[in-house]
Amino acid sequence: MLGRPMKPPGTFKLLGRARRTADDAMDPASLSVDRSDRIVDSLRAMILEGDEDQSLRIRQVFQKPKEIYRIEIDRPEQNYQRTTLLDRDALEELLATDDIRDRFIDLID
């Protein structure tokens, strides 16, 4: 009658997340890189799923001591606006995707 025994509470799996060791969880540099990758991935998905009414802008905010760029995504039909600050490395990673680069080049023309 009884199939498998019950698992104790707290033994569920978190899908879509890589398991970290205790050393990784305490290292702020590795957490920062993971967070930066998630932000760039989120921006990439948002830009690619947008329609022609979506407006995109890139502006340089600071040059020294570090180059900082502001990415603005505006979707008027949804009354939604997103502004994200990225450093040069993250911006280059975002523009490394051909579709993203083409969208920004189309806006310039």
PDB file of N, CA and C in Angstrom:
ATOM      1  N   MET A   1       0.802  -1.182   0.000  1.00  0.00           N
ATOM      2  CA  MET A   1       0.000   0.000   0.000  1.00  0.00           C
ATOM      3  C   MET A   1       0.855   1.260   0.000  1.00  0.00           C
ATOM      4  N   LEU A   2       1.824   1.280   0.814  1.00  0.00           N
ATOM      5  CA  LEU A   2       2.681   2.438   0.851  1.00  0.00           C
ATOM      6  C   LEU A   2       3.790   2.281  -0.176  1.00  0.00           C
ATOM      7  N   GLY A   3       3.924   3.283  -1.023  1.00  0.00           N
ATOM      8  CA  GLY A   3       4.955   3.249  -2.058  1.00  0.00           C
ATOM      9  C   GLY A   3       6.301   3.638  -1.469  1.00  0.00           C
ATOM     10  N   ARG A   4       6.699   4.814  -1.797  1.00  0.00           N
ATOM     11  CA  ARG A   4       7.977   5.308  -1.324  1.00  0.00           C
ATOM     12  C   ARG A   4       7.819   5.988   0.033  1.00  0.00           C
ATOM     13  N   PRO A   5       8.846   5.902   0.876  1.00  0.00           N
ATOM     14  CA  PRO A   5       8.749   6.592   2.161  1.00  0.00           C
ATOM     15  C   PRO A   5       8.780   8.103   1.960  1.00  0.00           C
ATOM     16  N   MET A   6       8.173   8.820   2.882  1.00  0.00           N
ATOM     17  CA  MET A   6       8.140  10.282   2.793  1.00  0.00           C
ATOM     18  C   MET A   6       9.529  10.861   3.041  1.00  0.00           C
ATOM     19  N   LYS A   7       9.820  11.936   2.341  1.00  0.00           N
ATOM     20  CA  LYS A   7      11.088  12.624   2.552  1.00  0.00           C
ATOM     21  C   LYS A   7      10.906  13.632   3.680  1.00  0.00           C
ATOM     22  N   PRO A   8      11.941  13.805   4.468  1.00  0.00           N
ATOM     23  CA  PRO A   8      11.840  14.816   5.517  1.00  0.00           C
ATOM     24  C   PRO A   8      11.745  16.214   4.917  1.00  0.00           C
ATOM     25  N   PRO A   9      11.160  17.169   5.633  1.00  0.00           N
ATOM     26  CA  PRO A   9      11.025  18.523   5.102  1.00  0.00           C
ATOM     27  C   PRO A   9      12.400  19.139   4.788  1.00  0.00           C
ATOM     28  N   GLY A  10      12.412  19.941   3.722  1.00  0.00           N
ATOM     29  CA  GLY A  10      13.636  20.629   3.358  1.00  0.00           C
ATOM     30  C   GLY A  10      14.552  19.845   2.443  1.00  0.00           C
ATOM     31  N   THR A  11      14.097  18.737   1.872  1.00  0.00           N
ATOM     32  CA  THR A  11      14.951  17.951   0.999  1.00  0.00           C
ATOM     33  C   THR A  11      14.531  18.077  -0.467  1.00  0.00           C
ATOM     34  N   PHE A  12      13.879  19.180  -0.826  1.00  0.00           N
ATOM     35  CA  PHE A  12      13.454  19.373  -2.206  1.00  0.00           C
ATOM     36  C   PHE A  12      14.597  19.949  -3.030  1.00  0.00           C
ATOM     37  N   LYS A  13      14.501  19.797  -4.341  1.00  0.00           N
ATOM     38  CA  LYS A  13      15.526  20.294  -5.249  1.00  0.00           C
ATOM     39  C   LYS A  13      15.083  21.648  -5.791  1.00  0.00           C
ATOM     40  N   LEU A  14      16.028  22.534  -5.966  1.00  0.00           N
ATOM     41  CA  LEU A  14      15.761  23.808  -6.614  1.00  0.00           C
ATOM     42  C   LEU A  14      16.175  23.670  -8.071  1.00  0.00           C
ATOM     43  N   LEU A  15      15.213  23.733  -8.953  1.00  0.00           N
ATOM     44  CA  LEU A  15      15.498  23.563 -10.371  1.00  0.00           C
ATOM     45  C   LEU A  15      16.068  24.840 -10.955  1.00  0.00           C
ATOM     46  N   GLY A  16      16.955  24.690 -11.899  1.00  0.00           N
ATOM     47  CA  GLY A  16      17.513  25.821 -12.604  1.00  0.00           C
ATOM     48  C   GLY A  16      18.618  26.546 -11.864  1.00  0.00           C
ATOM     49  N   ARG A  17      19.048  26.070 -10.752  1.00  0.00           N
ATOM     50  CA  ARG A  17      20.116  26.719 -10.006  1.00  0.00           C
ATOM     51  C   ARG A  17      21.239  25.721  -9.781  1.00  0.00           C
ATOM     52  N   ALA A  18      22.420  26.157 -10.073  1.00  0.00           N
ATOM     53  CA  ALA A  18      23.573  25.305  -9.813  1.00  0.00           C
ATOM     54  C   ALA A  18      23.865  25.312  -8.322  1.00  0.00           C
ATOM     55  N   ARG A  19      24.258  24.189  -7.806  1.00  0.00           N
ATOM     56  CA  ARG A  19      24.592  24.120  -6.386  1.00  0.00           C
ATOM     57  C   ARG A  19      25.946  24.760  -6.143  1.00  0.00           C
ATOM     58  N   ARG A  20      26.014  25.515  -5.072  1.00  0.00           N
ATOM     59  CA  ARG A  20      27.255  26.191  -4.718  1.00  0.00           C
ATOM     60  C   ARG A  20      27.878  25.521  -3.517  1.00  0.00           C
ATOM     61  N   THR A  21      29.178  25.584  -3.492  1.00  0.00           N
ATOM     62  CA  THR A  21      29.876  25.115  -2.311  1.00  0.00           C
ATOM     63  C   THR A  21      29.847  26.224  -1.269  1.00  0.00           C
ATOM     64  N   ALA A  22      30.210  25.894  -0.052  1.00  0.00           N
ATOM     65  CA  ALA A  22      30.203  26.896   1.014  1.00  0.00           C
ATOM     66  C   ALA A  22      31.189  28.019   0.716  1.00  0.00           C
ATOM     67  N   ASP A  23      32.304  27.706   0.059  1.00  0.00           N
ATOM     68  CA  ASP A  23      33.287  28.737  -0.273  1.00  0.00           C
ATOM     69  C   ASP A  23      32.731  29.724  -1.292  1.00  0.00           C
ATOM     70  N   ASP A  24      32.001  29.221  -2.294  1.00  0.00           N
ATOM     71  CA  ASP A  24      31.426  30.094  -3.315  1.00  0.00           C
ATOM     72  C   ASP A  24      30.372  31.022  -2.723  1.00  0.00           C
ATOM     73  N   ALA A  25      29.605  30.524  -1.795  1.00  0.00           N
ATOM     74  CA  ALA A  25      28.528  31.321  -1.217  1.00  0.00           C
ATOM     75  C   ALA A  25      29.068  32.501  -0.422  1.00  0.00           C
ATOM     76  N   MET A  26      30.279  32.412   0.068  1.00  0.00           N
ATOM     77  CA  MET A  26      30.854  33.485   0.866  1.00  0.00           C
ATOM     78  C   MET A  26      31.724  34.435   0.053  1.00  0.00           C
ATOM     79  N   ASP A  27      31.960  34.141  -1.221  1.00  0.00           N
ATOM     80  CA  ASP A  27      32.834  34.955  -2.050  1.00  0.00           C
ATOM     81  C   ASP A  27      32.010  36.001  -2.796  1.00  0.00           C
ATOM     82  N   PRO A  28      32.121  37.279  -2.426  1.00  0.00           N
ATOM     83  CA  PRO A  28      31.320  38.312  -3.078  1.00  0.00           C
ATOM     84  C   PRO A  28      31.626  38.465  -4.567  1.00  0.00           C
ATOM     85  N   ALA A  29      32.858  38.203  -4.976  1.00  0.00           N
ATOM     86  CA  ALA A  29      33.216  38.348  -6.391  1.00  0.00           C
ATOM     87  C   ALA A  29      32.464  37.341  -7.254  1.00  0.00           C
ATOM     88  N   SER A  30      32.354  36.105  -6.801  1.00  0.00           N
ATOM     89  CA  SER A  30      31.636  35.106  -7.598  1.00  0.00           C
ATOM     90  C   SER A  30      30.137  35.401  -7.620  1.00  0.00           C
ATOM     91  N   LEU A  31      29.595  35.921  -6.520  1.00  0.00           N
ATOM     92  CA  LEU A  31      28.181  36.291  -6.504  1.00  0.00           C
ATOM     93  C   LEU A  31      27.913  37.464  -7.440  1.00  0.00           C
ATOM     94  N   SER A  32      28.850  38.401  -7.522  1.00  0.00           N
ATOM     95  CA  SER A  32      28.705  39.560  -8.386  1.00  0.00           C
ATOM     96  C   SER A  32      28.696  39.146  -9.854  1.00  0.00           C
ATOM     97  N   VAL A  33      29.557  38.219 -10.221  1.00  0.00           N
ATOM     98  CA  VAL A  33      29.616  37.741 -11.604  1.00  0.00           C
ATOM     99  C   VAL A  33      28.313  37.036 -11.966  1.00  0.00           C
ATOM    100  N   ASP A  34      27.808  36.193 -11.070  1.00  0.00           N
ATOM    101  CA  ASP A  34      26.538  35.506 -11.325  1.00  0.00           C
ATOM    102  C   ASP A  34      25.404  36.512 -11.507  1.00  0.00           C
ATOM    103  N   ARG A  35      25.372  37.521 -10.666  1.00  0.00           N
ATOM    104  CA  ARG A  35      24.310  38.525 -10.733  1.00  0.00           C
ATOM    105  C   ARG A  35      24.416  39.315 -12.028  1.00  0.00           C
ATOM    106  N   SER A  36      25.622  39.690 -12.407  1.00  0.00           N
ATOM    107  CA  SER A  36      25.825  40.431 -13.648  1.00  0.00           C
ATOM    108  C   SER A  36      25.368  39.607 -14.851  1.00  0.00           C
ATOM    109  N   ASP A  37      25.676  38.327 -14.859  1.00  0.00           N
ATOM    110  CA  ASP A  37      25.237  37.450 -15.958  1.00  0.00           C
ATOM    111  C   ASP A  37      23.718  37.366 -16.023  1.00  0.00           C
ATOM    112  N   ARG A  38      23.073  37.271 -14.876  1.00  0.00           N
ATOM    113  CA  ARG A  38      21.603  37.204 -14.855  1.00  0.00           C
ATOM    114  C   ARG A  38      20.984  38.506 -15.365  1.00  0.00           C
ATOM    115  N   ILE A  39      21.572  39.642 -15.015  1.00  0.00           N
ATOM    116  CA  ILE A  39      21.053  40.934 -15.487  1.00  0.00           C
ATOM    117  C   ILE A  39      21.193  41.047 -16.999  1.00  0.00           C
ATOM    118  N   VAL A  40      22.354  40.678 -17.528  1.00  0.00           N
ATOM    119  CA  VAL A  40      22.573  40.742 -18.978  1.00  0.00           C
ATOM    120  C   VAL A  40      21.630  39.775 -19.701  1.00  0.00           C
ATOM    121  N   ASP A  41      21.446  38.586 -19.169  1.00  0.00           N
ATOM    122  CA  ASP A  41      20.513  37.623 -19.777  1.00  0.00           C
ATOM    123  C   ASP A  41      19.084  38.158 -19.766  1.00  0.00           C
ATOM    124  N   SER A  42      18.702  38.798 -18.674  1.00  0.00           N
ATOM    125  CA  SER A  42      17.362  39.372 -18.572  1.00  0.00           C
ATOM    126  C   SER A  42      17.168  40.497 -19.588  1.00  0.00           C
ATOM    127  N   LEU A  43      18.152  41.364 -19.713  1.00  0.00           N
ATOM    128  CA  LEU A  43      18.077  42.435 -20.715  1.00  0.00           C
ATOM    129  C   LEU A  43      17.992  41.865 -22.123  1.00  0.00           C
ATOM    130  N   ARG A  44      18.807  40.857 -22.400  1.00  0.00           N
ATOM    131  CA  ARG A  44      18.820  40.228 -23.722  1.00  0.00           C
ATOM    132  C   ARG A  44      17.437  39.656 -24.055  1.00  0.00           C
ATOM    133  N   ALA A  45      16.847  38.950 -23.118  1.00  0.00           N
ATOM    134  CA  ALA A  45      15.519  38.361 -23.349  1.00  0.00           C
ATOM    135  C   ALA A  45      14.471  39.450 -23.555  1.00  0.00           C
ATOM    136  N   MET A  46      14.536  40.510 -22.763  1.00  0.00           N
ATOM    137  CA  MET A  46      13.551  41.579 -22.868  1.00  0.00           C
ATOM    138  C   MET A  46      13.661  42.307 -24.207  1.00  0.00           C
ATOM    139  N   ILE A  47      14.876  42.531 -24.665  1.00  0.00           N
ATOM    140  CA  ILE A  47      15.066  43.217 -25.941  1.00  0.00           C
ATOM    141  C   ILE A  47      14.592  42.350 -27.098  1.00  0.00           C
ATOM    142  N   LEU A  48      14.894  41.071 -27.053  1.00  0.00           N
ATOM    143  CA  LEU A  48      14.524  40.182 -28.155  1.00  0.00           C
ATOM    144  C   LEU A  48      13.024  39.910 -28.212  1.00  0.00           C
ATOM    145  N   GLU A  49      12.346  39.918 -27.094  1.00  0.00           N
ATOM    146  CA  GLU A  49      10.901  39.626 -27.114  1.00  0.00           C
ATOM    147  C   GLU A  49      10.065  40.873 -27.374  1.00  0.00           C
ATOM    148  N   GLY A  50      10.691  42.040 -27.416  1.00  0.00           N
ATOM    149  CA  GLY A  50       9.963  43.285 -27.647  1.00  0.00           C
ATOM    150  C   GLY A  50       9.527  43.432 -29.089  1.00  0.00           C
ATOM    151  N   ASP A  51       8.493  44.274 -29.288  1.00  0.00           N
ATOM    152  CA  ASP A  51       7.996  44.505 -30.642  1.00  0.00           C
ATOM    153  C   ASP A  51       8.553  45.828 -31.174  1.00  0.00           C
ATOM    154  N   GLU A  52       8.028  46.287 -32.325  1.00  0.00           N
ATOM    155  CA  GLU A  52       8.579  47.493 -32.949  1.00  0.00           C
ATOM    156  C   GLU A  52       8.233  48.773 -32.192  1.00  0.00           C
ATOM    157  N   ASP A  53       7.246  48.746 -31.298  1.00  0.00           N
ATOM    158  CA  ASP A  53       6.919  49.926 -30.493  1.00  0.00           C
ATOM    159  C   ASP A  53       7.910  50.143 -29.351  1.00  0.00           C
ATOM    160  N   GLN A  54       8.691  49.139 -29.058  1.00  0.00           N
ATOM    161  CA  GLN A  54       9.667  49.236 -27.973  1.00  0.00           C
ATOM    162  C   GLN A  54      10.791  50.189 -28.375  1.00  0.00           C
ATOM    163  N   SER A  55      11.130  51.117 -27.474  1.00  0.00           N
ATOM    164  CA  SER A  55      12.258  51.998 -27.772  1.00  0.00           C
ATOM    165  C   SER A  55      13.449  51.594 -26.910  1.00  0.00           C
ATOM    166  N   LEU A  56      14.630  51.645 -27.517  1.00  0.00           N
ATOM    167  CA  LEU A  56      15.876  51.251 -26.853  1.00  0.00           C
ATOM    168  C   LEU A  56      16.875  52.393 -26.958  1.00  0.00           C
ATOM    169  N   ARG A  57      17.584  52.644 -25.862  1.00  0.00           N
ATOM    170  CA  ARG A  57      18.615  53.675 -25.868  1.00  0.00           C
ATOM    171  C   ARG A  57      19.806  53.211 -25.043  1.00  0.00           C
ATOM    172  N   ILE A  58      20.984  53.562 -25.526  1.00  0.00           N
ATOM    173  CA  ILE A  58      22.217  53.362 -24.758  1.00  0.00           C
ATOM    174  C   ILE A  58      22.887  54.722 -24.646  1.00  0.00           C
ATOM    175  N   ARG A  59      23.226  55.089 -23.424  1.00  0.00           N
ATOM    176  CA  ARG A  59      23.918  56.356 -23.192  1.00  0.00           C
ATOM    177  C   ARG A  59      25.069  56.135 -22.232  1.00  0.00           C
ATOM    178  N   GLN A  60      26.163  56.804 -22.504  1.00  0.00           N
ATOM    179  CA  GLN A  60      27.289  56.733 -21.583  1.00  0.00           C
ATOM    180  C   GLN A  60      27.055  57.745 -20.472  1.00  0.00           C
ATOM    181  N   VAL A  61      27.120  57.275 -19.233  1.00  0.00           N
ATOM    182  CA  VAL A  61      26.849  58.127 -18.079  1.00  0.00           C
ATOM    183  C   VAL A  61      28.156  58.643 -17.481  1.00  0.00           C
ATOM    184  N   PHE A  62      29.109  57.741 -17.268  1.00  0.00           N
ATOM    185  CA  PHE A  62      30.411  58.111 -16.705  1.00  0.00           C
ATOM    186  C   PHE A  62      31.517  57.586 -17.609  1.00  0.00           C
ATOM    187  N   GLN A  63      32.614  58.320 -17.609  1.00  0.00           N
ATOM    188  CA  GLN A  63      33.783  57.849 -18.339  1.00  0.00           C
ATOM    189  C   GLN A  63      34.915  57.499 -17.377  1.00  0.00           C
ATOM    190  N   LYS A  64      35.032  58.258 -16.300  1.00  0.00           N
ATOM    191  CA  LYS A  64      36.072  57.996 -15.310  1.00  0.00           C
ATOM    192  C   LYS A  64      35.430  57.914 -13.952  1.00  0.00           C
ATOM    193  N   PRO A  65      35.865  57.130 -13.066  1.00  0.00           N
ATOM    194  CA  PRO A  65      36.985  56.203 -13.081  1.00  0.00           C
ATOM    195  C   PRO A  65      36.675  54.914 -13.847  1.00  0.00           C
ATOM    196  N   LYS A  66      35.403  54.683 -14.172  1.00  0.00           N
ATOM    197  CA  LYS A  66      35.029  53.485 -14.901  1.00  0.00           C
ATOM    198  C   LYS A  66      33.907  53.861 -15.867  1.00  0.00           C
ATOM    199  N   GLU A  67      33.948  53.292 -17.074  1.00  0.00           N
ATOM    200  CA  GLU A  67      32.901  53.578 -18.047  1.00  0.00           C
ATOM    201  C   GLU A  67      31.601  52.898 -17.617  1.00  0.00           C
ATOM    202  N   ILE A  68      30.552  53.706 -17.480  1.00  0.00           N
ATOM    203  CA  ILE A  68      29.234  53.206 -17.093  1.00  0.00           C
ATOM    204  C   ILE A  68      28.240  53.649 -18.162  1.00  0.00           C
ATOM    205  N   TYR A  69      27.388  52.715 -18.579  1.00  0.00           N
ATOM    206  CA  TYR A  69      26.389  52.982 -19.608  1.00  0.00           C
ATOM    207  C   TYR A  69      25.001  52.739 -19.048  1.00  0.00           C
ATOM    208  N   ARG A  70      24.052  53.551 -19.519  1.00  0.00           N
ATOM    209  CA  ARG A  70      22.656  53.391 -19.112  1.00  0.00           C
ATOM    210  C   ARG A  70      21.876  52.823 -20.286  1.00  0.00           C
ATOM    211  N   ILE A  71      21.215  51.691 -20.055  1.00  0.00           N
ATOM    212  CA  ILE A  71      20.359  51.054 -21.056  1.00  0.00           C
ATOM    213  C   ILE A  71      18.917  51.379 -20.678  1.00  0.00           C
ATOM    214  N   GLU A  72      18.176  51.963 -21.612  1.00  0.00           N
ATOM    215  CA  GLU A  72      16.781  52.309 -21.364  1.00  0.00           C
ATOM    216  C   GLU A  72      15.902  51.516 -22.324  1.00  0.00           C
ATOM    217  N   ILE A  73      14.936  50.822 -21.757  1.00  0.00           N
ATOM    218  CA  ILE A  73      13.954  50.082 -22.553  1.00  0.00           C
ATOM    219  C   ILE A  73      12.587  50.645 -22.187  1.00  0.00           C
ATOM    220  N   ASP A  74      11.851  51.095 -23.197  1.00  0.00           N
ATOM    221  CA  ASP A  74      10.549  51.693 -22.967  1.00  0.00           C
ATOM    222  C   ASP A  74       9.513  50.953 -23.799  1.00  0.00           C
ATOM    223  N   ARG A  75       8.457  50.490 -23.143  1.00  0.00           N
ATOM    224  CA  ARG A  75       7.344  49.822 -23.821  1.00  0.00           C
ATOM    225  C   ARG A  75       6.067  50.602 -23.524  1.00  0.00           C
ATOM    226  N   PRO A  76       5.701  51.526 -24.399  1.00  0.00           N
ATOM    227  CA  PRO A  76       4.552  52.395 -24.112  1.00  0.00           C
ATOM    228  C   PRO A  76       3.214  51.647 -24.035  1.00  0.00           C
ATOM    229  N   GLU A  77       3.052  50.584 -24.810  1.00  0.00           N
ATOM    230  CA  GLU A  77       1.775  49.857 -24.786  1.00  0.00           C
ATOM    231  C   GLU A  77       1.536  49.154 -23.455  1.00  0.00           C
ATOM    232  N   GLN A  78       2.616  48.902 -22.711  1.00  0.00           N
ATOM    233  CA  GLN A  78       2.494  48.258 -21.396  1.00  0.00           C
ATOM    234  C   GLN A  78       2.749  49.238 -20.249  1.00  0.00           C
ATOM    235  N   ASN A  79       2.969  50.509 -20.578  1.00  0.00           N
ATOM    236  CA  ASN A  79       3.339  51.514 -19.571  1.00  0.00           C
ATOM    237  C   ASN A  79       4.498  51.018 -18.722  1.00  0.00           C
ATOM    238  N   TYR A  80       5.547  50.554 -19.392  1.00  0.00           N
ATOM    239  CA  TYR A  80       6.684  49.936 -18.712  1.00  0.00           C
ATOM    240  C   TYR A  80       7.970  50.594 -19.177  1.00  0.00           C
ATOM    241  N   GLN A  81       8.845  50.890 -18.227  1.00  0.00           N
ATOM    242  CA  GLN A  81      10.154  51.426 -18.552  1.00  0.00           C
ATOM    243  C   GLN A  81      11.182  50.771 -17.645  1.00  0.00           C
ATOM    244  N   ARG A  82      12.293  50.371 -18.235  1.00  0.00           N
ATOM    245  CA  ARG A  82      13.379  49.757 -17.466  1.00  0.00           C
ATOM    246  C   ARG A  82      14.661  50.511 -17.769  1.00  0.00           C
ATOM    247  N   THR A  83      15.366  50.876 -16.725  1.00  0.00           N
ATOM    248  CA  THR A  83      16.662  51.541 -16.849  1.00  0.00           C
ATOM    249  C   THR A  83      17.672  50.724 -16.067  1.00  0.00           C
ATOM    250  N   THR A  84      18.770  50.365 -16.729  1.00  0.00           N
ATOM    251  CA  THR A  84      19.797  49.529 -16.114  1.00  0.00           C
ATOM    252  C   THR A  84      21.161  50.141 -16.383  1.00  0.00           C
ATOM    253  N   LEU A  85      21.995  50.174 -15.360  1.00  0.00           N
ATOM    254  CA  LEU A  85      23.367  50.659 -15.508  1.00  0.00           C
ATOM    255  C   LEU A  85      24.303  49.470 -15.675  1.00  0.00           C
ATOM    256  N   LEU A  86      25.163  49.542 -16.685  1.00  0.00           N
ATOM    257  CA  LEU A  86      26.111  48.461 -16.968  1.00  0.00           C
ATOM    258  C   LEU A  86      27.507  49.035 -17.147  1.00  0.00           C
ATOM    259  N   ASP A  87      28.506  48.247 -16.797  1.00  0.00           N
ATOM    260  CA  ASP A  87      29.871  48.648 -17.108  1.00  0.00           C
ATOM    261  C   ASP A  87      30.187  48.232 -18.546  1.00  0.00           C
ATOM    262  N   ARG A  88      31.348  48.587 -19.020  1.00  0.00           N
ATOM    263  CA  ARG A  88      31.698  48.331 -20.423  1.00  0.00           C
ATOM    264  C   ARG A  88      31.724  46.834 -20.747  1.00  0.00           C
ATOM    265  N   ASP A  89      32.243  46.015 -19.836  1.00  0.00           N
ATOM    266  CA  ASP A  89      32.314  44.575 -20.088  1.00  0.00           C
ATOM    267  C   ASP A  89      30.922  43.972 -20.244  1.00  0.00           C
ATOM    268  N   ALA A  90      29.996  44.363 -19.381  1.00  0.00           N
ATOM    269  CA  ALA A  90      28.630  43.830 -19.455  1.00  0.00           C
ATOM    270  C   ALA A  90      27.937  44.306 -20.724  1.00  0.00           C
ATOM    271  N   LEU A  91      28.179  45.564 -21.116  1.00  0.00           N
ATOM    272  CA  LEU A  91      27.590  46.073 -22.353  1.00  0.00           C
ATOM    273  C   LEU A  91      28.120  45.309 -23.567  1.00  0.00           C
ATOM    274  N   GLU A  92      29.423  45.052 -23.586  1.00  0.00           N
ATOM    275  CA  GLU A  92      29.992  44.283 -24.690  1.00  0.00           C
ATOM    276  C   GLU A  92      29.429  42.872 -24.730  1.00  0.00           C
ATOM    277  N   GLU A  93      29.196  42.284 -23.561  1.00  0.00           N
ATOM    278  CA  GLU A  93      28.594  40.951 -23.515  1.00  0.00           C
ATOM    279  C   GLU A  93      27.172  40.983 -24.068  1.00  0.00           C
ATOM    280  N   LEU A  94      26.423  42.032 -23.735  1.00  0.00           N
ATOM    281  CA  LEU A  94      25.058  42.175 -24.241  1.00  0.00           C
ATOM    282  C   LEU A  94      25.062  42.357 -25.757  1.00  0.00           C
ATOM    283  N   LEU A  95      25.970  43.185 -26.270  1.00  0.00           N
ATOM    284  CA  LEU A  95      26.018  43.456 -27.704  1.00  0.00           C
ATOM    285  C   LEU A  95      26.717  42.359 -28.501  1.00  0.00           C
ATOM    286  N   ALA A  96      27.243  41.349 -27.834  1.00  0.00           N
ATOM    287  CA  ALA A  96      27.889  40.234 -28.538  1.00  0.00           C
ATOM    288  C   ALA A  96      26.873  39.397 -29.302  1.00  0.00           C
ATOM    289  N   THR A  97      25.619  39.455 -28.907  1.00  0.00           N
ATOM    290  CA  THR A  97      24.558  38.731 -29.619  1.00  0.00           C
ATOM    291  C   THR A  97      24.191  39.518 -30.878  1.00  0.00           C
ATOM    292  N   ASP A  98      24.223  38.866 -32.015  1.00  0.00           N
ATOM    293  CA  ASP A  98      23.977  39.539 -33.290  1.00  0.00           C
ATOM    294  C   ASP A  98      22.606  40.201 -33.344  1.00  0.00           C
ATOM    295  N   ASP A  99      21.573  39.530 -32.849  1.00  0.00           N
ATOM    296  CA  ASP A  99      20.217  40.086 -32.899  1.00  0.00           C
ATOM    297  C   ASP A  99      20.110  41.373 -32.081  1.00  0.00           C
ATOM    298  N   ILE A 100      20.760  41.400 -30.941  1.00  0.00           N
ATOM    299  CA  ILE A 100      20.729  42.601 -30.091  1.00  0.00           C
ATOM    300  C   ILE A 100      21.450  43.749 -30.799  1.00  0.00           C
ATOM    301  N   ARG A 101      22.633  43.465 -31.320  1.00  0.00           N
ATOM    302  CA  ARG A 101      23.403  44.484 -32.017  1.00  0.00           C
ATOM    303  C   ARG A 101      22.617  45.031 -33.204  1.00  0.00           C
ATOM    304  N   ASP A 102      21.945  44.160 -33.957  1.00  0.00           N
ATOM    305  CA  ASP A 102      21.151  44.590 -35.101  1.00  0.00           C
ATOM    306  C   ASP A 102      20.002  45.499 -34.686  1.00  0.00           C
ATOM    307  N   ARG A 103      19.373  45.205 -33.548  1.00  0.00           N
ATOM    308  CA  ARG A 103      18.279  46.057 -33.062  1.00  0.00           C
ATOM    309  C   ARG A 103      18.770  47.466 -32.766  1.00  0.00           C
ATOM    310  N   PHE A 104      19.925  47.589 -32.130  1.00  0.00           N
ATOM    311  CA  PHE A 104      20.459  48.907 -31.820  1.00  0.00           C
ATOM    312  C   PHE A 104      20.927  49.626 -33.073  1.00  0.00           C
ATOM    313  N   ILE A 105      21.495  48.918 -34.024  1.00  0.00           N
ATOM    314  CA  ILE A 105      21.942  49.540 -35.274  1.00  0.00           C
ATOM    315  C   ILE A 105      20.735  50.032 -36.074  1.00  0.00           C
ATOM    316  N   ASP A 106      19.644  49.254 -36.066  1.00  0.00           N
ATOM    317  CA  ASP A 106      18.415  49.690 -36.754  1.00  0.00           C
ATOM    318  C   ASP A 106      17.877  50.976 -36.160  1.00  0.00           C
ATOM    319  N   LEU A 107      18.021  51.143 -34.852  1.00  0.00           N
ATOM    320  CA  LEU A 107      17.531  52.355 -34.201  1.00  0.00           C
ATOM    321  C   LEU A 107      18.365  53.569 -34.575  1.00  0.00           C
ATOM    322  N   ILE A 108      19.646  53.348 -34.834  1.00  0.00           N
ATOM    323  CA  ILE A 108      20.534  54.453 -35.197  1.00  0.00           C
ATOM    324  C   ILE A 108      20.200  54.961 -36.595  1.00  0.00           C
ATOM    325  N   ASP A 109      19.862  54.053 -37.501  1.00  0.00           N
ATOM    326  CA  ASP A 109      19.583  54.426 -38.901  1.00  0.00           C
ATOM    327  C   ASP A 109      18.283  55.125 -39.079  1.00  0.00           C
TER     328      ASP A 109
END
